[in-house]
């Protein structure tokens, strides 16, 4: 099953991040065993363009649509047997210590 994992900042990070794993090790291990399909960091939200269509007109806004203290800083697409495996993969990610990870299963059409 495929999952989108949003990598986000958090307003209340773990104060002792010394136990956080190395991101390069996490990527290498999950790439090697096929659980990580793809992923990347994102540039800061200030570079975002928000697109909406209202009344047939395309409206563009520079920057993110929502003003929040927490932002999405990256993503990974995971291929896992089930949610429990996806949770284990997320819990081993360094941002589980300094940020937060949101996992969403793909909606099948």
PDB file of N, CA and C in Angstrom:
ATOM      1  N   UNK A   1       0.852  -1.164   0.000  1.00  0.00           N
ATOM      2  CA  UNK A   1       0.000   0.000   0.000  1.00  0.00           C
ATOM      3  C   UNK A   1       0.900   1.230   0.000  1.00  0.00           C
ATOM      4  N   UNK A   2       0.489   2.252  -0.761  1.00  0.00           N
ATOM      5  CA  UNK A   2       1.281   3.481  -0.828  1.00  0.00           C
ATOM      6  C   UNK A   2       0.760   4.522   0.155  1.00  0.00           C
ATOM      7  N   UNK A   3       1.724   5.238   0.739  1.00  0.00           N
ATOM      8  CA  UNK A   3       1.434   6.308   1.686  1.00  0.00           C
ATOM      9  C   UNK A   3       2.232   7.547   1.313  1.00  0.00           C
ATOM     10  N   UNK A   4       1.610   8.707   1.459  1.00  0.00           N
ATOM     11  CA  UNK A   4       2.329   9.975   1.362  1.00  0.00           C
ATOM     12  C   UNK A   4       2.703  10.349   2.787  1.00  0.00           C
ATOM     13  N   UNK A   5       3.976  10.636   2.998  1.00  0.00           N
ATOM     14  CA  UNK A   5       4.428  11.065   4.310  1.00  0.00           C
ATOM     15  C   UNK A   5       4.900  12.508   4.190  1.00  0.00           C
ATOM     16  N   UNK A   6       4.158  13.407   4.809  1.00  0.00           N
ATOM     17  CA  UNK A   6       4.543  14.809   4.838  1.00  0.00           C
ATOM     18  C   UNK A   6       5.545  15.004   5.972  1.00  0.00           C
ATOM     19  N   UNK A   7       6.660  15.634   5.674  1.00  0.00           N
ATOM     20  CA  UNK A   7       7.692  15.930   6.665  1.00  0.00           C
ATOM     21  C   UNK A   7       7.495  17.397   7.055  1.00  0.00           C
ATOM     22  N   UNK A   8       7.185  17.635   8.330  1.00  0.00           N
ATOM     23  CA  UNK A   8       6.793  18.973   8.771  1.00  0.00           C
ATOM     24  C   UNK A   8       7.623  19.448   9.959  1.00  0.00           C
ATOM     25  N   UNK A   9       7.717  20.768  10.082  1.00  0.00           N
ATOM     26  CA  UNK A   9       8.304  21.335  11.288  1.00  0.00           C
ATOM     27  C   UNK A   9       7.267  21.234  12.395  1.00  0.00           C
ATOM     28  N   UNK A  10       7.690  21.503  13.619  1.00  0.00           N
ATOM     29  CA  UNK A  10       6.785  21.429  14.755  1.00  0.00           C
ATOM     30  C   UNK A  10       7.145  22.544  15.727  1.00  0.00           C
ATOM     31  N   UNK A  11       6.156  23.116  16.361  1.00  0.00           N
ATOM     32  CA  UNK A  11       6.416  24.184  17.331  1.00  0.00           C
ATOM     33  C   UNK A  11       6.933  23.638  18.649  1.00  0.00           C
ATOM     34  N   UNK A  12       6.830  22.314  18.859  1.00  0.00           N
ATOM     35  CA  UNK A  12       7.304  21.699  20.100  1.00  0.00           C
ATOM     36  C   UNK A  12       8.211  20.501  19.797  1.00  0.00           C
ATOM     37  N   UNK A  13       9.416  20.766  19.248  1.00  0.00           N
ATOM     38  CA  UNK A  13      10.306  19.648  18.928  1.00  0.00           C
ATOM     39  C   UNK A  13      10.885  19.007  20.176  1.00  0.00           C
ATOM     40  N   UNK A  14      11.381  17.798  20.025  1.00  0.00           N
ATOM     41  CA  UNK A  14      12.087  17.105  21.096  1.00  0.00           C
ATOM     42  C   UNK A  14      13.287  17.959  21.492  1.00  0.00           C
ATOM     43  N   UNK A  15      13.494  18.157  22.774  1.00  0.00           N
ATOM     44  CA  UNK A  15      14.595  19.018  23.216  1.00  0.00           C
ATOM     45  C   UNK A  15      15.946  18.328  23.089  1.00  0.00           C
ATOM     46  N   UNK A  16      15.972  17.000  23.165  1.00  0.00           N
ATOM     47  CA  UNK A  16      17.223  16.263  23.011  1.00  0.00           C
ATOM     48  C   UNK A  16      17.147  15.464  21.719  1.00  0.00           C
ATOM     49  N   UNK A  17      17.727  16.011  20.667  1.00  0.00           N
ATOM     50  CA  UNK A  17      17.681  15.342  19.369  1.00  0.00           C
ATOM     51  C   UNK A  17      18.869  14.408  19.155  1.00  0.00           C
ATOM     52  N   UNK A  18      19.666  14.157  20.200  1.00  0.00           N
ATOM     53  CA  UNK A  18      20.852  13.317  20.047  1.00  0.00           C
ATOM     54  C   UNK A  18      20.492  11.879  19.664  1.00  0.00           C
ATOM     55  N   UNK A  19      19.294  11.434  19.993  1.00  0.00           N
ATOM     56  CA  UNK A  19      18.875  10.067  19.656  1.00  0.00           C
ATOM     57  C   UNK A  19      18.326   9.964  18.231  1.00  0.00           C
ATOM     58  N   UNK A  20      18.140  11.114  17.570  1.00  0.00           N
ATOM     59  CA  UNK A  20      17.577  11.107  16.215  1.00  0.00           C
ATOM     60  C   UNK A  20      18.531  10.427  15.244  1.00  0.00           C
ATOM     61  N   UNK A  21      18.010   9.543  14.401  1.00  0.00           N
ATOM     62  CA  UNK A  21      18.870   8.862  13.430  1.00  0.00           C
ATOM     63  C   UNK A  21      19.358   9.827  12.349  1.00  0.00           C
ATOM     64  N   UNK A  22      20.364   9.414  11.631  1.00  0.00           N
ATOM     65  CA  UNK A  22      20.913  10.189  10.523  1.00  0.00           C
ATOM     66  C   UNK A  22      19.997  10.052   9.308  1.00  0.00           C
ATOM     67  N   UNK A  23      19.674  11.164   8.661  1.00  0.00           N
ATOM     68  CA  UNK A  23      18.747  11.139   7.523  1.00  0.00           C
ATOM     69  C   UNK A  23      19.317  10.328   6.362  1.00  0.00           C
ATOM     70  N   UNK A  24      20.610  10.410   6.126  1.00  0.00           N
ATOM     71  CA  UNK A  24      21.210   9.661   5.024  1.00  0.00           C
ATOM     72  C   UNK A  24      21.100   8.158   5.250  1.00  0.00           C
ATOM     73  N   UNK A  25      21.237   7.722   6.485  1.00  0.00           N
ATOM     74  CA  UNK A  25      21.082   6.305   6.816  1.00  0.00           C
ATOM     75  C   UNK A  25      19.622   5.888   6.620  1.00  0.00           C
ATOM     76  N   UNK A  26      18.680   6.721   7.086  1.00  0.00           N
ATOM     77  CA  UNK A  26      17.252   6.427   6.934  1.00  0.00           C
ATOM     78  C   UNK A  26      16.895   6.282   5.460  1.00  0.00           C
ATOM     79  N   UNK A  27      17.346   7.224   4.636  1.00  0.00           N
ATOM     80  CA  UNK A  27      17.055   7.180   3.196  1.00  0.00           C
ATOM     81  C   UNK A  27      17.669   5.924   2.570  1.00  0.00           C
ATOM     82  N   UNK A  28      18.931   5.664   2.851  1.00  0.00           N
ATOM     83  CA  UNK A  28      19.608   4.507   2.255  1.00  0.00           C
ATOM     84  C   UNK A  28      18.924   3.189   2.626  1.00  0.00           C
ATOM     85  N   UNK A  29      18.572   3.036   3.894  1.00  0.00           N
ATOM     86  CA  UNK A  29      17.920   1.787   4.339  1.00  0.00           C
ATOM     87  C   UNK A  29      16.553   1.607   3.690  1.00  0.00           C
ATOM     88  N   UNK A  30      15.762   2.680   3.644  1.00  0.00           N
ATOM     89  CA  UNK A  30      14.408   2.552   3.098  1.00  0.00           C
ATOM     90  C   UNK A  30      14.394   2.497   1.577  1.00  0.00           C
ATOM     91  N   UNK A  31      15.389   3.086   0.921  1.00  0.00           N
ATOM     92  CA  UNK A  31      15.526   2.920  -0.526  1.00  0.00           C
ATOM     93  C   UNK A  31      15.923   1.485  -0.849  1.00  0.00           C
ATOM     94  N   UNK A  32      16.867   0.952  -0.074  1.00  0.00           N
ATOM     95  CA  UNK A  32      17.382  -0.394  -0.340  1.00  0.00           C
ATOM     96  C   UNK A  32      16.314  -1.470  -0.180  1.00  0.00           C
ATOM     97  N   UNK A  33      15.417  -1.310   0.791  1.00  0.00           N
ATOM     98  CA  UNK A  33      14.398  -2.347   0.993  1.00  0.00           C
ATOM     99  C   UNK A  33      13.084  -2.045   0.279  1.00  0.00           C
ATOM    100  N   UNK A  34      13.056  -0.988  -0.530  1.00  0.00           N
ATOM    101  CA  UNK A  34      11.897  -0.688  -1.367  1.00  0.00           C
ATOM    102  C   UNK A  34      10.746  -0.012  -0.664  1.00  0.00           C
ATOM    103  N   UNK A  35      10.922   0.395   0.589  1.00  0.00           N
ATOM    104  CA  UNK A  35       9.823   1.060   1.295  1.00  0.00           C
ATOM    105  C   UNK A  35       9.703   2.531   0.920  1.00  0.00           C
ATOM    106  N   UNK A  36      10.779   3.149   0.472  1.00  0.00           N
ATOM    107  CA  UNK A  36      10.747   4.558   0.069  1.00  0.00           C
ATOM    108  C   UNK A  36      10.789   4.603  -1.450  1.00  0.00           C
ATOM    109  N   UNK A  37       9.682   5.048  -2.056  1.00  0.00           N
ATOM    110  CA  UNK A  37       9.577   5.114  -3.507  1.00  0.00           C
ATOM    111  C   UNK A  37      10.310   6.349  -4.021  1.00  0.00           C
ATOM    112  N   UNK A  38      10.068   7.496  -3.385  1.00  0.00           N
ATOM    113  CA  UNK A  38      10.726   8.750  -3.722  1.00  0.00           C
ATOM    114  C   UNK A  38      10.531   9.717  -2.571  1.00  0.00           C
ATOM    115  N   UNK A  39      11.222  10.814  -2.616  1.00  0.00           N
ATOM    116  CA  UNK A  39      11.070  11.835  -1.593  1.00  0.00           C
ATOM    117  C   UNK A  39      12.077  12.940  -1.819  1.00  0.00           C
ATOM    118  N   UNK A  40      11.808  14.085  -1.196  1.00  0.00           N
ATOM    119  CA  UNK A  40      12.716  15.199  -1.345  1.00  0.00           C
ATOM    120  C   UNK A  40      12.378  16.284  -0.350  1.00  0.00           C
ATOM    121  N   UNK A  41      13.327  17.208  -0.185  1.00  0.00           N
ATOM    122  CA  UNK A  41      13.066  18.401   0.597  1.00  0.00           C
ATOM    123  C   UNK A  41      12.351  19.408  -0.291  1.00  0.00           C
ATOM    124  N   UNK A  42      11.660  20.336   0.336  1.00  0.00           N
ATOM    125  CA  UNK A  42      11.008  21.417  -0.394  1.00  0.00           C
ATOM    126  C   UNK A  42      11.696  22.732  -0.061  1.00  0.00           C
ATOM    127  N   UNK A  43      11.664  23.675  -1.007  1.00  0.00           N
ATOM    128  CA  UNK A  43      12.197  25.008  -0.719  1.00  0.00           C
ATOM    129  C   UNK A  43      11.234  25.700   0.238  1.00  0.00           C
ATOM    130  N   UNK A  44      11.635  26.791   0.895  1.00  0.00           N
ATOM    131  CA  UNK A  44      10.777  27.449   1.893  1.00  0.00           C
ATOM    132  C   UNK A  44       9.408  27.862   1.341  1.00  0.00           C
ATOM    133  N   UNK A  45       8.398  27.929   2.223  1.00  0.00           N
ATOM    134  CA  UNK A  45       7.039  28.269   1.809  1.00  0.00           C
ATOM    135  C   UNK A  45       6.937  29.634   1.116  1.00  0.00           C
ATOM    136  N   UNK A  46       7.870  30.528   1.367  1.00  0.00           N
ATOM    137  CA  UNK A  46       7.815  31.848   0.737  1.00  0.00           C
ATOM    138  C   UNK A  46       7.919  31.755  -0.782  1.00  0.00           C
ATOM    139  N   UNK A  47       8.422  30.625  -1.302  1.00  0.00           N
ATOM    140  CA  UNK A  47       8.534  30.456  -2.751  1.00  0.00           C
ATOM    141  C   UNK A  47       7.285  29.816  -3.369  1.00  0.00           C
ATOM    142  N   UNK A  48       6.311  29.482  -2.531  1.00  0.00           N
ATOM    143  CA  UNK A  48       5.097  28.803  -3.015  1.00  0.00           C
ATOM    144  C   UNK A  48       4.219  29.737  -3.844  1.00  0.00           C
ATOM    145  N   UNK A  49       3.466  29.145  -4.725  1.00  0.00           N
ATOM    146  CA  UNK A  49       2.410  29.832  -5.457  1.00  0.00           C
ATOM    147  C   UNK A  49       1.129  29.053  -5.216  1.00  0.00           C
ATOM    148  N   UNK A  50       0.115  29.721  -4.696  1.00  0.00           N
ATOM    149  CA  UNK A  50      -1.176  29.088  -4.451  1.00  0.00           C
ATOM    150  C   UNK A  50      -2.076  29.371  -5.650  1.00  0.00           C
ATOM    151  N   UNK A  51      -2.708  28.318  -6.182  1.00  0.00           N
ATOM    152  CA  UNK A  51      -3.562  28.432  -7.365  1.00  0.00           C
ATOM    153  C   UNK A  51      -4.993  28.084  -6.976  1.00  0.00           C
ATOM    154  N   UNK A  52      -5.907  28.968  -7.334  1.00  0.00           N
ATOM    155  CA  UNK A  52      -7.340  28.724  -7.137  1.00  0.00           C
ATOM    156  C   UNK A  52      -8.077  29.171  -8.387  1.00  0.00           C
ATOM    157  N   UNK A  53      -9.224  28.558  -8.656  1.00  0.00           N
ATOM    158  CA  UNK A  53     -10.096  29.009  -9.734  1.00  0.00           C
ATOM    159  C   UNK A  53     -11.419  29.390  -9.102  1.00  0.00           C
ATOM    160  N   UNK A  54     -11.830  30.634  -9.315  1.00  0.00           N
ATOM    161  CA  UNK A  54     -13.096  31.154  -8.774  1.00  0.00           C
ATOM    162  C   UNK A  54     -13.810  31.901  -9.892  1.00  0.00           C
ATOM    163  N   UNK A  55     -15.044  31.510 -10.134  1.00  0.00           N
ATOM    164  CA  UNK A  55     -15.824  32.161 -11.186  1.00  0.00           C
ATOM    165  C   UNK A  55     -15.168  32.065 -12.546  1.00  0.00           C
ATOM    166  N   UNK A  56     -14.460  30.948 -12.787  1.00  0.00           N
ATOM    167  CA  UNK A  56     -13.802  30.745 -14.065  1.00  0.00           C
ATOM    168  C   UNK A  56     -12.482  31.494 -14.205  1.00  0.00           C
ATOM    169  N   UNK A  57     -12.066  32.220 -13.189  1.00  0.00           N
ATOM    170  CA  UNK A  57     -10.821  32.991 -13.245  1.00  0.00           C
ATOM    171  C   UNK A  57      -9.751  32.305 -12.391  1.00  0.00           C
ATOM    172  N   UNK A  58      -8.549  32.202 -12.953  1.00  0.00           N
ATOM    173  CA  UNK A  58      -7.424  31.639 -12.219  1.00  0.00           C
ATOM    174  C   UNK A  58      -6.842  32.732 -11.320  1.00  0.00           C
ATOM    175  N   UNK A  59      -6.799  32.438 -10.019  1.00  0.00           N
ATOM    176  CA  UNK A  59      -6.267  33.385  -9.046  1.00  0.00           C
ATOM    177  C   UNK A  59      -4.965  32.825  -8.480  1.00  0.00           C
ATOM    178  N   UNK A  60      -3.916  33.620  -8.509  1.00  0.00           N
ATOM    179  CA  UNK A  60      -2.613  33.215  -8.002  1.00  0.00           C
ATOM    180  C   UNK A  60      -2.252  34.060  -6.799  1.00  0.00           C
ATOM    181  N   UNK A  61      -1.692  33.411  -5.791  1.00  0.00           N
ATOM    182  CA  UNK A  61      -1.222  34.100  -4.600  1.00  0.00           C
ATOM    183  C   UNK A  61       0.211  33.670  -4.356  1.00  0.00           C
ATOM    184  N   UNK A  62       1.104  34.628  -4.173  1.00  0.00           N
ATOM    185  CA  UNK A  62       2.483  34.300  -3.826  1.00  0.00           C
ATOM    186  C   UNK A  62       2.531  33.825  -2.390  1.00  0.00           C
ATOM    187  N   UNK A  63       3.311  32.775  -2.159  1.00  0.00           N
ATOM    188  CA  UNK A  63       3.440  32.244  -0.811  1.00  0.00           C
ATOM    189  C   UNK A  63       2.375  31.213  -0.515  1.00  0.00           C
ATOM    190  N   UNK A  64       2.444  30.624   0.672  1.00  0.00           N
ATOM    191  CA  UNK A  64       1.473  29.586   1.034  1.00  0.00           C
ATOM    192  C   UNK A  64       0.092  30.194   1.272  1.00  0.00           C
ATOM    193  N   UNK A  65      -0.936  29.376   1.074  1.00  0.00           N
ATOM    194  CA  UNK A  65      -2.306  29.841   1.284  1.00  0.00           C
ATOM    195  C   UNK A  65      -2.581  30.077   2.761  1.00  0.00           C
ATOM    196  N   UNK A  66      -2.129  29.151   3.597  1.00  0.00           N
ATOM    197  CA  UNK A  66      -2.401  29.246   5.037  1.00  0.00           C
ATOM    198  C   UNK A  66      -1.180  29.809   5.763  1.00  0.00           C
ATOM    199  N   UNK A  67      -1.429  30.652   6.737  1.00  0.00           N
ATOM    200  CA  UNK A  67      -0.361  31.163   7.592  1.00  0.00           C
ATOM    201  C   UNK A  67      -0.292  30.275   8.829  1.00  0.00           C
ATOM    202  N   UNK A  68       0.762  29.492   8.940  1.00  0.00           N
ATOM    203  CA  UNK A  68       0.932  28.615  10.097  1.00  0.00           C
ATOM    204  C   UNK A  68       2.376  28.660  10.555  1.00  0.00           C
ATOM    205  N   UNK A  69       2.599  28.259  11.791  1.00  0.00           N
ATOM    206  CA  UNK A  69       3.963  28.182  12.304  1.00  0.00           C
ATOM    207  C   UNK A  69       4.618  26.887  11.860  1.00  0.00           C
ATOM    208  N   UNK A  70       3.819  25.855  11.620  1.00  0.00           N
ATOM    209  CA  UNK A  70       4.333  24.582  11.146  1.00  0.00           C
ATOM    210  C   UNK A  70       4.227  24.552   9.627  1.00  0.00           C
ATOM    211  N   UNK A  71       5.272  24.089   8.968  1.00  0.00           N
ATOM    212  CA  UNK A  71       5.264  24.044   7.511  1.00  0.00           C
ATOM    213  C   UNK A  71       5.736  22.679   7.028  1.00  0.00           C
ATOM    214  N   UNK A  72       5.303  22.317   5.834  1.00  0.00           N
ATOM    215  CA  UNK A  72       5.775  21.097   5.187  1.00  0.00           C
ATOM    216  C   UNK A  72       7.137  21.412   4.582  1.00  0.00           C
ATOM    217  N   UNK A  73       8.149  20.655   4.982  1.00  0.00           N
ATOM    218  CA  UNK A  73       9.504  20.907   4.500  1.00  0.00           C
ATOM    219  C   UNK A  73       9.997  19.801   3.560  1.00  0.00           C
ATOM    220  N   UNK A  74       9.196  18.755   3.412  1.00  0.00           N
ATOM    221  CA  UNK A  74       9.576  17.676   2.524  1.00  0.00           C
ATOM    222  C   UNK A  74       8.490  16.622   2.465  1.00  0.00           C
ATOM    223  N   UNK A  75       8.764  15.583   1.702  1.00  0.00           N
ATOM    224  CA  UNK A  75       7.786  14.503   1.555  1.00  0.00           C
ATOM    225  C   UNK A  75       8.505  13.220   1.194  1.00  0.00           C
ATOM    226  N   UNK A  76       7.859  12.117   1.439  1.00  0.00           N
ATOM    227  CA  UNK A  76       8.310  10.811   0.979  1.00  0.00           C
ATOM    228  C   UNK A  76       7.082  10.015   0.570  1.00  0.00           C
ATOM    229  N   UNK A  77       7.214   9.238  -0.484  1.00  0.00           N
ATOM    230  CA  UNK A  77       6.193   8.281  -0.875  1.00  0.00           C
ATOM    231  C   UNK A  77       6.683   6.929  -0.375  1.00  0.00           C
ATOM    232  N   UNK A  78       5.880   6.295   0.453  1.00  0.00           N
ATOM    233  CA  UNK A  78       6.251   5.013   1.047  1.00  0.00           C
ATOM    234  C   UNK A  78       5.413   3.894   0.448  1.00  0.00           C
ATOM    235  N   UNK A  79       6.032   2.747   0.281  1.00  0.00           N
ATOM    236  CA  UNK A  79       5.338   1.529  -0.131  1.00  0.00           C
ATOM    237  C   UNK A  79       5.493   0.553   1.021  1.00  0.00           C
ATOM    238  N   UNK A  80       4.402   0.346   1.765  1.00  0.00           N
ATOM    239  CA  UNK A  80       4.451  -0.487   2.971  1.00  0.00           C
ATOM    240  C   UNK A  80       3.316  -1.501   2.938  1.00  0.00           C
ATOM    241  N   UNK A  81       3.489  -2.577   3.684  1.00  0.00           N
ATOM    242  CA  UNK A  81       2.469  -3.623   3.740  1.00  0.00           C
ATOM    243  C   UNK A  81       1.178  -3.105   4.359  1.00  0.00           C
ATOM    244  N   UNK A  82       1.316  -2.227   5.366  1.00  0.00           N
ATOM    245  CA  UNK A  82       0.143  -1.713   6.062  1.00  0.00           C
ATOM    246  C   UNK A  82       0.523  -0.461   6.850  1.00  0.00           C
ATOM    247  N   UNK A  83      -0.452   0.107   7.526  1.00  0.00           N
ATOM    248  CA  UNK A  83      -0.225   1.331   8.290  1.00  0.00           C
ATOM    249  C   UNK A  83       0.799   1.123   9.403  1.00  0.00           C
ATOM    250  N   UNK A  84       0.789  -0.043  10.030  1.00  0.00           N
ATOM    251  CA  UNK A  84       1.757  -0.307  11.101  1.00  0.00           C
ATOM    252  C   UNK A  84       3.196  -0.199  10.590  1.00  0.00           C
ATOM    253  N   UNK A  85       3.451  -0.735   9.405  1.00  0.00           N
ATOM    254  CA  UNK A  85       4.790  -0.639   8.834  1.00  0.00           C
ATOM    255  C   UNK A  85       5.123   0.807   8.493  1.00  0.00           C
ATOM    256  N   UNK A  86       4.159   1.552   7.941  1.00  0.00           N
ATOM    257  CA  UNK A  86       4.383   2.970   7.622  1.00  0.00           C
ATOM    258  C   UNK A  86       4.684   3.771   8.885  1.00  0.00           C
ATOM    259  N   UNK A  87       4.004   3.461   9.967  1.00  0.00           N
ATOM    260  CA  UNK A  87       4.259   4.135  11.247  1.00  0.00           C
ATOM    261  C   UNK A  87       5.673   3.831  11.735  1.00  0.00           C
ATOM    262  N   UNK A  88       6.102   2.595  11.605  1.00  0.00           N
ATOM    263  CA  UNK A  88       7.460   2.226  12.017  1.00  0.00           C
ATOM    264  C   UNK A  88       8.506   2.965  11.188  1.00  0.00           C
ATOM    265  N   UNK A  89       8.270   3.078   9.887  1.00  0.00           N
ATOM    266  CA  UNK A  89       9.189   3.813   9.013  1.00  0.00           C
ATOM    267  C   UNK A  89       9.235   5.279   9.430  1.00  0.00           C
ATOM    268  N   UNK A  90       8.075   5.875   9.684  1.00  0.00           N
ATOM    269  CA  UNK A  90       8.019   7.281  10.101  1.00  0.00           C
ATOM    270  C   UNK A  90       8.686   7.498  11.457  1.00  0.00           C
ATOM    271  N   UNK A  91       8.480   6.586  12.379  1.00  0.00           N
ATOM    272  CA  UNK A  91       9.057   6.725  13.717  1.00  0.00           C
ATOM    273  C   UNK A  91      10.578   6.668  13.694  1.00  0.00           C
ATOM    274  N   UNK A  92      11.147   6.057  12.660  1.00  0.00           N
ATOM    275  CA  UNK A  92      12.599   5.971  12.529  1.00  0.00           C
ATOM    276  C   UNK A  92      13.186   7.164  11.782  1.00  0.00           C
ATOM    277  N   UNK A  93      12.345   8.057  11.277  1.00  0.00           N
ATOM    278  CA  UNK A  93      12.798   9.240  10.525  1.00  0.00           C
ATOM    279  C   UNK A  93      13.296  10.304  11.500  1.00  0.00           C
ATOM    280  N   UNK A  94      14.387  11.005  11.184  1.00  0.00           N
ATOM    281  CA  UNK A  94      14.911  12.039  12.078  1.00  0.00           C
ATOM    282  C   UNK A  94      13.898  13.139  12.433  1.00  0.00           C
ATOM    283  N   UNK A  95      13.002  13.472  11.516  1.00  0.00           N
ATOM    284  CA  UNK A  95      12.040  14.538  11.812  1.00  0.00           C
ATOM    285  C   UNK A  95      10.958  14.097  12.784  1.00  0.00           C
ATOM    286  N   UNK A  96      10.894  12.811  13.101  1.00  0.00           N
ATOM    287  CA  UNK A  96       9.985  12.377  14.162  1.00  0.00           C
ATOM    288  C   UNK A  96      10.453  12.950  15.499  1.00  0.00           C
ATOM    289  N   UNK A  97      11.725  13.311  15.589  1.00  0.00           N
ATOM    290  CA  UNK A  97      12.305  13.874  16.809  1.00  0.00           C
ATOM    291  C   UNK A  97      12.246  15.403  16.799  1.00  0.00           C
ATOM    292  N   UNK A  98      12.585  16.013  15.672  1.00  0.00           N
ATOM    293  CA  UNK A  98      12.668  17.471  15.614  1.00  0.00           C
ATOM    294  C   UNK A  98      11.469  18.131  14.980  1.00  0.00           C
ATOM    295  N   UNK A  99      10.585  17.349  14.413  1.00  0.00           N
ATOM    296  CA  UNK A  99       9.406  17.893  13.741  1.00  0.00           C
ATOM    297  C   UNK A  99       8.241  16.953  13.922  1.00  0.00           C
ATOM    298  N   UNK A 100       7.524  16.718  12.842  1.00  0.00           N
ATOM    299  CA  UNK A 100       6.428  15.756  12.883  1.00  0.00           C
ATOM    300  C   UNK A 100       6.234  15.191  11.482  1.00  0.00           C
ATOM    301  N   UNK A 101       5.640  14.023  11.408  1.00  0.00           N
ATOM    302  CA  UNK A 101       5.393  13.355  10.139  1.00  0.00           C
ATOM    303  C   UNK A 101       3.913  13.009  10.059  1.00  0.00           C
ATOM    304  N   UNK A 102       3.320  13.349   8.944  1.00  0.00           N
ATOM    305  CA  UNK A 102       1.903  13.018   8.716  1.00  0.00           C
ATOM    306  C   UNK A 102       1.851  11.979   7.612  1.00  0.00           C
ATOM    307  N   UNK A 103       1.202  10.862   7.901  1.00  0.00           N
ATOM    308  CA  UNK A 103       1.097   9.759   6.943  1.00  0.00           C
ATOM    309  C   UNK A 103      -0.342   9.684   6.444  1.00  0.00           C
ATOM    310  N   UNK A 104      -0.481   9.627   5.119  1.00  0.00           N
ATOM    311  CA  UNK A 104      -1.820   9.456   4.535  1.00  0.00           C
ATOM    312  C   UNK A 104      -1.775   8.371   3.484  1.00  0.00           C
ATOM    313  N   UNK A 105      -2.700   7.405   3.559  1.00  0.00           N
ATOM    314  CA  UNK A 105      -2.745   6.388   2.504  1.00  0.00           C
ATOM    315  C   UNK A 105      -3.281   6.988   1.213  1.00  0.00           C
ATOM    316  N   UNK A 106      -2.841   6.421   0.112  1.00  0.00           N
ATOM    317  CA  UNK A 106      -3.361   6.843  -1.201  1.00  0.00           C
ATOM    318  C   UNK A 106      -4.819   6.418  -1.306  1.00  0.00           C
ATOM    319  N   UNK A 107      -5.614   7.234  -1.931  1.00  0.00           N
ATOM    320  CA  UNK A 107      -7.008   6.896  -2.228  1.00  0.00           C
ATOM    321  C   UNK A 107      -7.028   6.151  -3.558  1.00  0.00           C
ATOM    322  N   UNK A 108      -7.513   4.944  -3.541  1.00  0.00           N
ATOM    323  CA  UNK A 108      -7.593   4.166  -4.779  1.00  0.00           C
ATOM    324  C   UNK A 108      -8.823   4.601  -5.580  1.00  0.00           C
ATOM    325  N   UNK A 109      -8.631   4.770  -6.890  1.00  0.00           N
ATOM    326  CA  UNK A 109      -9.747   5.142  -7.767  1.00  0.00           C
ATOM    327  C   UNK A 109     -10.312   3.929  -8.427  1.00  0.00           C
TER     328      UNK A 109
END
